[in-house]
């Protein structure tokens, strides 16, 4: 599951999480960041399909 955190909910969603969390810090101008983002989206779809 991909979630988008911000300053207000980062602690609750990431730091206080009971399960491991992968955090991807990115910027719109960063080419490698955008490539990694699409890989993470595909991975999320695969994992979601496996859990169904």
C-alpha atoms as a PDB file:
ATOM      1  CA  UNK A   1       0.000   0.000   0.000  1.00  0.00           C
ATOM      2  CA  UNK A   2       1.413   3.352  -1.008  1.00  0.00           C
ATOM      3  CA  UNK A   3       0.528   6.294   1.194  1.00  0.00           C
ATOM      4  CA  UNK A   4       1.632   9.889   0.910  1.00  0.00           C
ATOM      5  CA  UNK A   5       2.728  11.392   4.204  1.00  0.00           C
ATOM      6  CA  UNK A   6       3.366  14.982   5.139  1.00  0.00           C
ATOM      7  CA  UNK A   7       4.743  16.875   8.115  1.00  0.00           C
ATOM      8  CA  UNK A   8       1.494  16.475  10.027  1.00  0.00           C
ATOM      9  CA  UNK A   9       1.062  12.703   9.710  1.00  0.00           C
ATOM     10  CA  UNK A  10       4.621  11.390   9.195  1.00  0.00           C
ATOM     11  CA  UNK A  11       5.105  10.476  12.847  1.00  0.00           C
ATOM     12  CA  UNK A  12       1.829   8.563  13.040  1.00  0.00           C
ATOM     13  CA  UNK A  13       2.119   6.833   9.657  1.00  0.00           C
ATOM     14  CA  UNK A  14       5.851   6.076   9.681  1.00  0.00           C
ATOM     15  CA  UNK A  15       7.604   6.505  13.009  1.00  0.00           C
ATOM     16  CA  UNK A  16       4.801   4.980  15.090  1.00  0.00           C
ATOM     17  CA  UNK A  17       4.010   2.180  12.615  1.00  0.00           C
ATOM     18  CA  UNK A  18       3.772  -1.341  14.036  1.00  0.00           C
ATOM     19  CA  UNK A  19       5.016  -2.836  10.745  1.00  0.00           C
ATOM     20  CA  UNK A  20       8.155  -2.094   8.701  1.00  0.00           C
ATOM     21  CA  UNK A  21       7.816   0.921   6.402  1.00  0.00           C
ATOM     22  CA  UNK A  22       9.738   1.861   3.260  1.00  0.00           C
ATOM     23  CA  UNK A  23      10.040   5.638   2.904  1.00  0.00           C
ATOM     24  CA  UNK A  24      10.755   7.113  -0.523  1.00  0.00           C
ATOM     25  CA  UNK A  25      11.805  10.760  -0.399  1.00  0.00           C
ATOM     26  CA  UNK A  26      11.537  12.224  -3.886  1.00  0.00           C
ATOM     27  CA  UNK A  27      11.307  15.411  -5.917  1.00  0.00           C
ATOM     28  CA  UNK A  28       9.486  16.123  -9.179  1.00  0.00           C
ATOM     29  CA  UNK A  29      12.706  17.347 -10.808  1.00  0.00           C
ATOM     30  CA  UNK A  30      14.642  14.161  -9.905  1.00  0.00           C
ATOM     31  CA  UNK A  31      14.697  11.704 -12.837  1.00  0.00           C
ATOM     32  CA  UNK A  32      15.954   8.685 -10.838  1.00  0.00           C
ATOM     33  CA  UNK A  33      13.355   9.435  -8.136  1.00  0.00           C
ATOM     34  CA  UNK A  34      10.580   9.348 -10.716  1.00  0.00           C
ATOM     35  CA  UNK A  35      11.888   6.061 -12.136  1.00  0.00           C
ATOM     36  CA  UNK A  36      11.974   4.539  -8.668  1.00  0.00           C
ATOM     37  CA  UNK A  37       8.466   5.797  -7.994  1.00  0.00           C
ATOM     38  CA  UNK A  38       7.060   3.904 -10.973  1.00  0.00           C
ATOM     39  CA  UNK A  39       8.888   0.754  -9.832  1.00  0.00           C
ATOM     40  CA  UNK A  40       7.379   1.092  -6.357  1.00  0.00           C
ATOM     41  CA  UNK A  41       3.904   1.543  -7.864  1.00  0.00           C
ATOM     42  CA  UNK A  42       4.282  -1.689  -9.888  1.00  0.00           C
ATOM     43  CA  UNK A  43       5.560  -3.513  -6.816  1.00  0.00           C
ATOM     44  CA  UNK A  44       2.556  -2.280  -4.843  1.00  0.00           C
ATOM     45  CA  UNK A  45       0.209  -3.616  -7.538  1.00  0.00           C
ATOM     46  CA  UNK A  46       1.940  -7.019  -7.528  1.00  0.00           C
ATOM     47  CA  UNK A  47       1.806  -7.322  -3.744  1.00  0.00           C
ATOM     48  CA  UNK A  48      -1.837  -6.231  -3.657  1.00  0.00           C
ATOM     49  CA  UNK A  49      -2.721  -8.828  -6.317  1.00  0.00           C
ATOM     50  CA  UNK A  50      -0.927 -11.577  -4.368  1.00  0.00           C
ATOM     51  CA  UNK A  51      -2.829 -10.705  -1.190  1.00  0.00           C
ATOM     52  CA  UNK A  52      -6.230 -10.821  -2.935  1.00  0.00           C
END
